[in-house]
Protein backbone atom coordinates (compact mmCIF):
# COMPACT_ATOMS: atom_id res chain seq x y z
CA MET A 1 42.14 -3.51 -23.53
CA LYS A 2 39.32 -1.60 -21.82
CA ARG A 3 37.19 -1.89 -24.96
CA ALA A 4 37.79 -5.65 -25.10
CA TYR A 5 36.53 -6.07 -21.56
CA THR A 6 33.44 -4.02 -22.49
CA TYR A 7 32.66 -6.30 -25.44
CA LEU A 8 33.12 -9.38 -23.26
CA LEU A 9 30.73 -8.02 -20.65
CA LEU A 10 28.11 -7.29 -23.32
CA LEU A 11 28.41 -10.85 -24.63
CA VAL A 12 27.84 -12.29 -21.14
CA LEU A 13 24.79 -10.09 -20.61
CA VAL A 14 23.23 -10.72 -24.04
CA ILE A 15 23.82 -14.45 -24.54
CA PRO A 16 21.08 -16.38 -22.67
CA LEU A 17 21.98 -19.04 -20.16
CA PRO A 18 21.39 -22.62 -21.25
CA VAL A 19 18.09 -24.14 -20.14
CA CYS A 20 19.86 -26.43 -17.69
CA ALA A 21 21.24 -23.41 -15.85
CA TYR A 22 17.75 -22.02 -15.30
CA GLN A 23 16.58 -25.44 -14.19
CA PHE A 24 19.40 -25.53 -11.70
CA LEU A 25 18.33 -22.15 -10.32
CA ALA A 26 14.68 -23.11 -10.22
CA HIS A 27 13.13 -25.29 -7.57
CA ARG A 28 12.94 -28.84 -8.83
CA ARG A 29 9.46 -30.01 -9.78
CA GLY A 30 8.24 -26.53 -10.68
CA ALA A 31 8.87 -23.36 -12.62
CA PHE A 32 11.15 -20.71 -11.21
CA THR A 33 9.13 -18.27 -9.10
CA GLY A 34 11.83 -16.65 -7.00
CA THR A 35 10.56 -18.40 -3.86
CA VAL A 36 11.43 -21.68 -2.16
CA PHE A 37 8.69 -24.04 -0.96
CA SER A 38 8.24 -24.51 2.77
CA PRO A 39 5.96 -27.13 4.41
CA SER A 40 4.26 -24.26 6.23
CA ASP A 41 3.07 -22.88 2.87
CA ILE A 42 0.26 -25.44 3.15
CA ALA A 43 -2.31 -23.80 5.42
CA SER A 44 -3.42 -26.98 7.20
CA ILE A 45 -0.05 -27.53 8.92
CA HIS A 46 -0.67 -28.34 12.60
CA ALA A 47 2.76 -29.22 14.00
CA TRP A 48 6.30 -29.19 12.59
CA TYR A 49 9.34 -30.67 14.32
CA ASP A 50 12.68 -30.06 12.60
CA ALA A 51 15.81 -31.32 14.39
CA GLY A 52 17.67 -28.32 13.01
CA VAL A 53 15.34 -25.89 14.82
CA GLY A 54 14.32 -25.54 18.45
CA ILE A 55 16.23 -28.39 20.10
CA THR A 56 16.93 -27.90 23.81
CA THR A 57 19.48 -30.16 25.51
CA ASN A 58 20.70 -30.60 29.07
CA GLY A 59 24.30 -30.54 30.25
CA SER A 60 24.82 -34.09 28.98
CA GLY A 61 23.63 -33.26 25.48
CA ASP A 62 20.34 -35.14 25.85
CA VAL A 63 17.16 -33.66 24.38
CA THR A 64 14.72 -32.19 26.90
CA ASN A 65 12.49 -30.31 24.44
CA TRP A 66 11.84 -30.32 20.69
CA SER A 67 9.95 -27.18 19.73
CA ASP A 68 7.03 -27.09 17.33
CA SER A 69 7.92 -24.53 14.67
CA VAL A 70 4.32 -23.51 13.89
CA SER A 71 2.49 -23.76 17.21
CA ALA A 72 3.04 -24.64 20.87
CA ASN A 73 2.84 -28.43 20.54
CA ASP A 74 6.39 -29.06 21.78
CA LEU A 75 7.72 -32.58 22.29
CA SER A 76 9.34 -33.04 25.68
CA GLN A 77 10.90 -35.52 28.10
CA SER A 78 11.47 -34.64 31.77
CA ASP A 79 13.14 -37.89 32.90
CA SER A 80 16.88 -37.65 32.18
CA ALA A 81 17.11 -41.45 31.95
CA GLN A 82 14.64 -41.49 29.07
CA MET A 83 15.83 -38.52 27.04
CA PRO A 84 17.03 -39.16 23.47
CA SER A 85 20.41 -37.89 22.30
CA PHE A 86 21.10 -35.22 19.69
CA THR A 87 23.42 -35.38 16.67
CA LEU A 88 24.31 -32.01 15.16
CA SER A 89 25.55 -33.42 11.84
CA ASP A 90 24.25 -36.89 10.96
CA ALA A 91 25.65 -38.51 7.81
CA ASN A 92 22.48 -40.62 7.55
CA PHE A 93 20.49 -37.41 6.96
CA ASN A 94 22.77 -35.56 4.54
CA ASN A 95 24.69 -34.11 7.50
CA GLU A 96 21.55 -32.48 8.90
CA PRO A 97 20.75 -32.78 12.65
CA SER A 98 18.80 -35.70 14.12
CA VAL A 99 17.25 -36.89 17.38
CA ASN A 100 18.32 -40.41 18.36
CA PHE A 101 16.31 -42.89 20.48
CA ASP A 102 18.04 -45.97 21.91
CA GLY A 103 15.20 -48.51 21.75
CA VAL A 104 15.53 -49.29 25.46
CA ASP A 105 13.49 -46.65 27.27
CA GLU A 106 13.83 -43.34 25.41
CA TRP A 107 10.79 -41.51 24.05
CA MET A 108 9.23 -38.03 23.69
CA ASN A 109 5.64 -36.89 23.88
CA SER A 110 3.43 -33.94 23.00
CA SER A 111 -0.21 -33.38 23.97
CA PHE A 112 -2.40 -31.09 21.90
CA SER A 113 -6.05 -30.43 21.12
CA SER A 114 -7.78 -33.21 19.23
CA ILE A 115 -7.88 -32.99 15.43
CA SER A 116 -10.27 -35.34 13.67
CA GLN A 117 -9.51 -37.19 10.47
CA PRO A 118 -8.63 -36.55 7.72
CA ASN A 119 -5.01 -35.66 8.43
CA THR A 120 -1.54 -36.28 7.00
CA ILE A 121 1.83 -37.03 8.55
CA PHE A 122 5.34 -36.81 7.14
CA ALA A 123 8.38 -38.25 8.89
CA VAL A 124 12.05 -38.42 7.90
CA LEU A 125 13.57 -41.27 9.85
CA LYS A 126 16.00 -44.14 10.01
CA VAL A 127 15.34 -47.33 11.95
CA ASP A 128 18.60 -48.61 13.44
CA SER A 129 17.42 -52.11 14.30
CA THR A 130 14.26 -54.19 14.13
CA ALA A 131 13.13 -56.52 16.88
CA THR A 132 11.06 -59.70 17.01
CA THR A 133 8.30 -58.01 19.01
CA ASP A 134 5.95 -55.20 18.07
CA ILE A 135 7.75 -51.83 18.40
CA TYR A 136 6.53 -48.35 17.56
CA LEU A 137 7.92 -45.68 15.27
CA PHE A 138 5.26 -43.28 16.58
CA ASP A 139 1.80 -43.29 18.13
CA GLY A 140 -0.85 -41.00 19.61
CA ASP A 141 -1.17 -39.81 23.19
CA SER A 142 -3.76 -42.23 24.58
CA GLY A 143 -5.50 -45.53 23.91
CA SER A 144 -8.43 -43.70 22.33
CA THR A 145 -6.37 -41.38 20.12
CA ARG A 146 -4.14 -43.83 18.33
CA LEU A 147 -1.89 -42.79 15.47
CA GLY A 148 0.23 -45.87 15.35
CA MET A 149 2.93 -46.86 12.91
CA LEU A 150 4.73 -49.90 14.23
CA ILE A 151 7.00 -52.73 13.21
CA HIS A 152 5.35 -56.09 13.65
CA GLY A 153 7.35 -59.06 14.90
CA SER A 154 7.58 -60.36 11.32
CA GLY A 155 9.49 -57.20 10.33
CA VAL A 156 6.77 -55.42 8.35
CA HIS A 157 5.10 -52.03 8.81
CA TRP A 158 1.70 -51.88 10.48
CA LEU A 159 -0.66 -48.91 10.61
CA PHE A 160 -3.22 -48.74 13.42
CA VAL A 161 -5.71 -45.94 14.05
CA GLY A 162 -8.09 -47.75 16.40
CA THR A 163 -9.73 -50.47 14.31
CA THR A 164 -7.57 -52.60 12.00
CA LEU A 165 -3.89 -53.39 11.72
CA LEU A 166 -2.87 -52.72 8.11
CA SER A 167 0.22 -54.66 7.06
CA SER A 168 2.70 -53.49 4.43
CA SER A 169 6.24 -53.89 3.14
CA SER A 170 9.25 -54.97 5.18
CA VAL A 171 11.14 -52.43 7.28
CA ASP A 172 14.81 -51.73 6.53
CA THR A 173 17.53 -49.61 8.11
CA SER A 174 17.88 -47.02 5.34
CA THR A 175 16.85 -43.37 5.60
CA HIS A 176 13.31 -42.78 4.29
CA VAL A 177 10.70 -40.08 3.83
CA TYR A 178 7.33 -41.41 4.99
CA GLY A 179 4.05 -39.77 4.02
CA VAL A 180 0.87 -41.14 5.62
CA ARG A 181 -2.65 -39.97 4.72
CA TYR A 182 -5.32 -40.79 7.30
CA ASP A 183 -8.79 -40.65 5.75
CA THR A 184 -11.57 -43.10 4.85
CA THR A 185 -8.80 -44.93 3.04
CA ASP A 186 -5.51 -44.74 4.96
CA GLU A 187 -2.39 -44.77 2.81
CA MET A 188 1.32 -45.02 3.62
CA PHE A 189 3.90 -43.88 1.08
CA ARG A 190 7.53 -44.75 1.75
CA ASP A 191 9.55 -42.41 -0.50
CA GLY A 192 6.41 -41.75 -2.53
CA GLY A 193 5.22 -43.98 -5.35
CA THR A 194 2.37 -46.41 -4.69
CA ALA A 195 0.55 -46.61 -1.36
CA ASP A 196 1.55 -49.63 0.74
CA PRO A 197 -0.56 -50.35 2.73
CA SER A 198 -3.91 -48.89 1.73
CA GLY A 199 -7.12 -49.52 3.67
CA ASN A 200 -9.12 -48.48 6.71
CA ALA A 201 -7.01 -48.62 9.89
CA GLY A 202 -9.58 -46.76 12.00
CA SER A 203 -11.14 -43.38 12.64
CA HIS A 204 -9.38 -42.14 15.78
CA ALA A 205 -8.78 -38.41 16.09
CA VAL A 206 -5.23 -37.23 16.75
CA ALA A 207 -4.64 -35.76 20.19
CA GLY A 208 -0.93 -35.75 20.86
CA LEU A 209 2.14 -37.52 19.55
CA THR A 210 4.53 -40.10 21.00
CA LEU A 211 7.86 -40.75 19.25
CA ALA A 212 9.80 -44.04 19.41
CA ALA A 213 7.27 -45.80 21.67
CA ARG A 214 3.62 -46.76 22.08
CA TRP A 215 1.28 -44.21 23.70
CA ASP A 216 1.61 -45.93 27.11
CA GLU A 217 5.42 -45.57 27.16
CA SER A 218 6.26 -49.13 26.15
CA LEU A 219 7.48 -51.04 23.07
CA TYR A 220 10.41 -48.70 22.38
CA LEU A 221 12.24 -48.52 19.06
CA ASP A 222 15.89 -47.83 18.20
CA ILE A 223 15.25 -45.03 15.71
CA ASN A 224 16.47 -41.61 14.53
CA PHE A 225 14.19 -38.75 13.48
CA ALA A 226 15.24 -35.68 11.50
CA GLU A 227 11.82 -34.17 10.84
CA PHE A 228 8.14 -34.80 11.63
CA ILE A 229 5.15 -32.82 10.26
CA ILE A 230 1.42 -33.10 10.97
CA TYR A 231 -1.29 -31.61 8.75
CA ASP A 232 -4.92 -31.22 9.79
CA ALA A 233 -6.16 -32.33 6.35
CA ALA A 234 -5.72 -35.05 3.74
CA LEU A 235 -3.17 -33.47 1.41
CA SER A 236 -3.73 -33.81 -2.31
CA ASP A 237 -1.27 -35.80 -4.39
CA SER A 238 0.25 -32.52 -5.60
CA GLU A 239 0.72 -31.28 -2.02
CA MET A 240 2.13 -34.65 -0.96
CA ASN A 241 4.69 -34.35 -3.75
CA GLN A 242 5.62 -30.81 -2.72
CA VAL A 243 6.38 -31.87 0.85
CA GLY A 244 7.93 -35.20 -0.15
CA ASN A 245 10.32 -33.61 -2.63
CA TYR A 246 11.22 -30.83 -0.21
CA LEU A 247 12.21 -33.39 2.43
CA ALA A 248 13.97 -35.71 -0.02
CA ASP A 249 16.07 -32.82 -1.39
CA LYS A 250 16.96 -31.65 2.09
CA TYR A 251 18.01 -35.04 3.43
CA GLY A 252 19.65 -36.49 0.33
CA THR A 253 17.13 -39.24 -0.33
CA SER A 254 14.42 -39.70 -2.97
CA TRP A 255 10.68 -39.22 -3.49
CA THR A 256 8.72 -40.68 -6.41
CA ASP A 257 5.74 -38.49 -7.33
CA LEU A 258 2.33 -39.97 -6.58
């Protein structure tokens, strides 16, 4: 009996695993290297907000501070009446945590040193409802440092970075991974694929971030965020795909390579 077990063990050790098993162990989209990709592996990362890391709540469970994982650019809200709520396990985000804004008067803001274009933003979010007036997914910190993505009254996305409103596809209430490259040609990718819209929305530098409202604390949106990342560079298509696939895998959605 002991010898039989020895032969069985040798067979297990000698016979190679099927290719699919190695693919399962490897990170999707790349060869197995023994490491797992992190958004901070890209050196130009400037700010990283992950609802699963660094959330501070008050006694009512409302979010007072959302820490930046790579720097000190924390998002905060000091008015208890305007604090978003926190969900520890959100089914809309593959049971990962999320920060939830009510669309009435809740928002968060961070101020940081100006970073000029080009830059890139990723956001994992779900819009709960669309309105018939212009409402903001996110924006900059002042009227001269706009970083706007908004929903126009007709229900389509608009990008605005100080010059032109770029219109794109209709907004829905599903969970999405957004990647936006701000450069001479600004491009928005919803779940990857083809840029929509693509054009010049302006040349404003980024100096701060406002979530779920316009920079002047108006035009609020009923929206949930799970993650938000800012890069101080225009990421290449390959880098966009690395981050997009990382986020899609984490939150149970999809990303089509650029």
